Amino acid sequence: MSLARVLAADTAGGSFQKAHEYAGIALAGATPISLLSKNGGVIQKMSDLVLAFAIPVHMHISTNACVTDYLPKAARGPARAAVLGCSLVTYLGLMKLNLAGPGITRTVTGLWSRPAKK
């Protein structure tokens, strides 16, 4: 797999379209599983790892499609490089959240919980 194909992931062929489709399926499956599983349990942690991989893959390919549709050809190269950088930073941030923090699910559900009284 060449860097040029990764940069132009939306037009790089069938393997990237399949990756986008599988990432969408993973998001559709892992999201309810992680929300309905035991808080901090193994299933939730596995779902968080699936989400940490599927979110950046889906984001990268979808955002590249927007770059193709809305930017002139001269601006696509730098925009695609920026998209790749954002995708990598997103992956690293989500993995750090999973491995060194509470995980994606507990972080997101924490947005709707009240802080503990001191």
C-alpha atoms as a PDB file:
ATOM      1  CA  MET A   1       0.000   0.000   0.000  1.00  0.00           C
ATOM      2  CA  SER A   2       1.547   3.263  -1.089  1.00  0.00           C
ATOM      3  CA  LEU A   3       1.300   6.624   0.619  1.00  0.00           C
ATOM      4  CA  ALA A   4      -0.375   8.053  -2.496  1.00  0.00           C
ATOM      5  CA  ARG A   5      -3.213   5.529  -2.137  1.00  0.00           C
ATOM      6  CA  VAL A   6      -3.630   6.316   1.555  1.00  0.00           C
ATOM      7  CA  LEU A   7      -3.697  10.046   0.834  1.00  0.00           C
ATOM      8  CA  ALA A   8      -6.379   9.579  -1.836  1.00  0.00           C
ATOM      9  CA  ALA A   9      -8.281   6.935   0.108  1.00  0.00           C
ATOM     10  CA  ASP A  10     -11.683   7.802  -1.343  1.00  0.00           C
ATOM     11  CA  THR A  11     -10.591   7.184  -4.958  1.00  0.00           C
ATOM     12  CA  ALA A  12      -7.865   4.570  -4.373  1.00  0.00           C
ATOM     13  CA  GLY A  13      -9.940   1.536  -5.250  1.00  0.00           C
ATOM     14  CA  GLY A  14     -12.102  -1.207  -3.906  1.00  0.00           C
ATOM     15  CA  SER A  15      -9.987  -2.132  -0.899  1.00  0.00           C
ATOM     16  CA  PHE A  16     -10.468   1.319   0.604  1.00  0.00           C
ATOM     17  CA  GLN A  17     -14.191   1.254  -0.160  1.00  0.00           C
ATOM     18  CA  LYS A  18     -14.407  -2.087   1.658  1.00  0.00           C
ATOM     19  CA  ALA A  19     -12.421  -0.647   4.584  1.00  0.00           C
ATOM     20  CA  HIS A  20     -14.893   2.256   4.748  1.00  0.00           C
ATOM     21  CA  GLU A  21     -17.830  -0.154   4.668  1.00  0.00           C
ATOM     22  CA  TYR A  22     -16.341  -2.408   7.358  1.00  0.00           C
ATOM     23  CA  ALA A  23     -15.506   0.611   9.536  1.00  0.00           C
ATOM     24  CA  GLY A  24     -19.134   1.718   9.303  1.00  0.00           C
ATOM     25  CA  ILE A  25     -20.329  -1.750  10.258  1.00  0.00           C
ATOM     26  CA  ALA A  26     -17.871  -1.812  13.175  1.00  0.00           C
ATOM     27  CA  LEU A  27     -19.152   1.567  14.375  1.00  0.00           C
ATOM     28  CA  ALA A  28     -22.769   0.411  14.106  1.00  0.00           C
ATOM     29  CA  GLY A  29     -21.991  -2.736  16.096  1.00  0.00           C
ATOM     30  CA  ALA A  30     -19.459  -1.533  18.654  1.00  0.00           C
ATOM     31  CA  THR A  31     -21.371   1.571  19.733  1.00  0.00           C
ATOM     32  CA  PRO A  32     -24.449  -0.139  21.204  1.00  0.00           C
ATOM     33  CA  ILE A  33     -22.369  -3.035  22.536  1.00  0.00           C
ATOM     34  CA  SER A  34     -20.092  -0.656  24.420  1.00  0.00           C
ATOM     35  CA  LEU A  35     -23.001   1.362  25.789  1.00  0.00           C
ATOM     36  CA  LEU A  36     -24.958  -1.688  26.947  1.00  0.00           C
ATOM     37  CA  SER A  37     -22.047  -3.673  28.381  1.00  0.00           C
ATOM     38  CA  LYS A  38     -20.816  -3.622  31.968  1.00  0.00           C
ATOM     39  CA  ASN A  39     -19.077  -0.354  32.803  1.00  0.00           C
ATOM     40  CA  GLY A  40     -15.329  -0.994  32.708  1.00  0.00           C
ATOM     41  CA  GLY A  41     -15.784  -4.616  31.681  1.00  0.00           C
ATOM     42  CA  VAL A  42     -13.820  -6.585  29.100  1.00  0.00           C
ATOM     43  CA  ILE A  43     -16.532  -6.285  26.447  1.00  0.00           C
ATOM     44  CA  GLN A  44     -16.624  -2.515  26.849  1.00  0.00           C
ATOM     45  CA  LYS A  45     -12.832  -2.301  26.623  1.00  0.00           C
ATOM     46  CA  MET A  46     -12.791  -4.424  23.455  1.00  0.00           C
ATOM     47  CA  SER A  47     -15.538  -2.277  21.953  1.00  0.00           C
ATOM     48  CA  ASP A  48     -13.527   0.835  22.801  1.00  0.00           C
ATOM     49  CA  LEU A  49     -10.530  -0.590  20.940  1.00  0.00           C
ATOM     50  CA  VAL A  50     -12.718  -1.323  17.909  1.00  0.00           C
ATOM     51  CA  LEU A  51     -14.050   2.243  18.051  1.00  0.00           C
ATOM     52  CA  ALA A  52     -10.527   3.661  18.347  1.00  0.00           C
ATOM     53  CA  PHE A  53      -9.624   2.005  15.049  1.00  0.00           C
ATOM     54  CA  ALA A  54     -12.933   2.335  13.166  1.00  0.00           C
ATOM     55  CA  ILE A  55     -13.534   6.035  13.888  1.00  0.00           C
ATOM     56  CA  PRO A  56     -10.290   7.311  12.285  1.00  0.00           C
ATOM     57  CA  VAL A  57     -10.565   4.919   9.302  1.00  0.00           C
ATOM     58  CA  HIS A  58     -14.135   5.976   8.585  1.00  0.00           C
ATOM     59  CA  MET A  59     -13.279   9.633   9.200  1.00  0.00           C
ATOM     60  CA  HIS A  60     -10.216   9.532   6.936  1.00  0.00           C
ATOM     61  CA  ILE A  61     -11.975   8.024   3.927  1.00  0.00           C
ATOM     62  CA  SER A  62     -15.116  10.166   4.338  1.00  0.00           C
ATOM     63  CA  THR A  63     -13.169  13.396   4.722  1.00  0.00           C
ATOM     64  CA  ASN A  64     -11.115  12.544   1.649  1.00  0.00           C
ATOM     65  CA  ALA A  65     -14.376  12.233  -0.276  1.00  0.00           C
ATOM     66  CA  CYS A  66     -15.244  15.790   0.828  1.00  0.00           C
ATOM     67  CA  VAL A  67     -11.799  16.967  -0.311  1.00  0.00           C
ATOM     68  CA  THR A  68     -12.381  15.376  -3.722  1.00  0.00           C
ATOM     69  CA  ASP A  69     -15.869  16.852  -4.056  1.00  0.00           C
ATOM     70  CA  TYR A  70     -15.281  20.398  -2.851  1.00  0.00           C
ATOM     71  CA  LEU A  71     -11.646  21.435  -3.344  1.00  0.00           C
ATOM     72  CA  PRO A  72      -9.933  22.339  -6.600  1.00  0.00           C
ATOM     73  CA  LYS A  73      -7.288  19.870  -7.782  1.00  0.00           C
ATOM     74  CA  ALA A  74      -4.430  22.194  -6.827  1.00  0.00           C
ATOM     75  CA  ALA A  75      -5.509  22.251  -3.179  1.00  0.00           C
ATOM     76  CA  ARG A  76      -6.228  18.536  -2.801  1.00  0.00           C
ATOM     77  CA  GLY A  77      -2.661  17.395  -2.094  1.00  0.00           C
ATOM     78  CA  PRO A  78      -2.076  19.609   0.960  1.00  0.00           C
ATOM     79  CA  ALA A  79      -5.633  19.020   2.167  1.00  0.00           C
ATOM     80  CA  ARG A  80      -5.204  15.241   1.921  1.00  0.00           C
ATOM     81  CA  ALA A  81      -1.942  15.463   3.889  1.00  0.00           C
ATOM     82  CA  ALA A  82      -3.764  17.457   6.575  1.00  0.00           C
ATOM     83  CA  VAL A  83      -6.559  14.871   6.648  1.00  0.00           C
ATOM     84  CA  LEU A  84      -4.001  12.089   7.100  1.00  0.00           C
ATOM     85  CA  GLY A  85      -2.379  14.012   9.953  1.00  0.00           C
ATOM     86  CA  CYS A  86      -5.743  14.553  11.640  1.00  0.00           C
ATOM     87  CA  SER A  87      -6.620  10.881  11.211  1.00  0.00           C
ATOM     88  CA  LEU A  88      -3.339   9.790  12.817  1.00  0.00           C
ATOM     89  CA  VAL A  89      -3.709  12.237  15.711  1.00  0.00           C
ATOM     90  CA  THR A  90      -7.294  11.061  16.236  1.00  0.00           C
ATOM     91  CA  TYR A  91      -6.187   7.418  16.335  1.00  0.00           C
ATOM     92  CA  LEU A  92      -3.369   8.156  18.768  1.00  0.00           C
ATOM     93  CA  GLY A  93      -5.644  10.244  21.006  1.00  0.00           C
ATOM     94  CA  LEU A  94      -8.361   7.602  21.124  1.00  0.00           C
ATOM     95  CA  MET A  95      -5.823   4.871  21.871  1.00  0.00           C
ATOM     96  CA  LYS A  96      -4.320   6.965  24.666  1.00  0.00           C
ATOM     97  CA  LEU A  97      -7.805   7.502  26.053  1.00  0.00           C
ATOM     98  CA  ASN A  98      -8.379   3.729  25.969  1.00  0.00           C
ATOM     99  CA  LEU A  99      -5.004   2.606  27.308  1.00  0.00           C
ATOM    100  CA  ALA A 100      -4.160   5.355  29.812  1.00  0.00           C
ATOM    101  CA  GLY A 101      -7.595   6.753  30.620  1.00  0.00           C
ATOM    102  CA  PRO A 102     -11.151   5.625  31.234  1.00  0.00           C
ATOM    103  CA  GLY A 103     -11.855   4.666  27.611  1.00  0.00           C
ATOM    104  CA  ILE A 104     -14.029   6.154  24.904  1.00  0.00           C
ATOM    105  CA  THR A 105     -17.361   4.893  26.226  1.00  0.00           C
ATOM    106  CA  ARG A 106     -16.863   5.996  29.827  1.00  0.00           C
ATOM    107  CA  THR A 107     -15.563   9.372  28.654  1.00  0.00           C
ATOM    108  CA  VAL A 108     -18.546  10.018  26.391  1.00  0.00           C
ATOM    109  CA  THR A 109     -21.132   8.743  28.881  1.00  0.00           C
ATOM    110  CA  GLY A 110     -19.430  10.863  31.536  1.00  0.00           C
ATOM    111  CA  LEU A 111     -20.606  13.932  29.652  1.00  0.00           C
ATOM    112  CA  TRP A 112     -24.156  13.127  30.820  1.00  0.00           C
ATOM    113  CA  SER A 113     -23.398  12.200  34.420  1.00  0.00           C
ATOM    114  CA  ARG A 114     -23.319  14.561  37.317  1.00  0.00           C
ATOM    115  CA  PRO A 115     -19.983  15.145  39.004  1.00  0.00           C
ATOM    116  CA  ALA A 116     -19.506  13.411  42.331  1.00  0.00           C
ATOM    117  CA  LYS A 117     -20.255  15.646  45.308  1.00  0.00           C
ATOM    118  CA  LYS A 118     -17.321  16.388  47.537  1.00  0.00           C
END
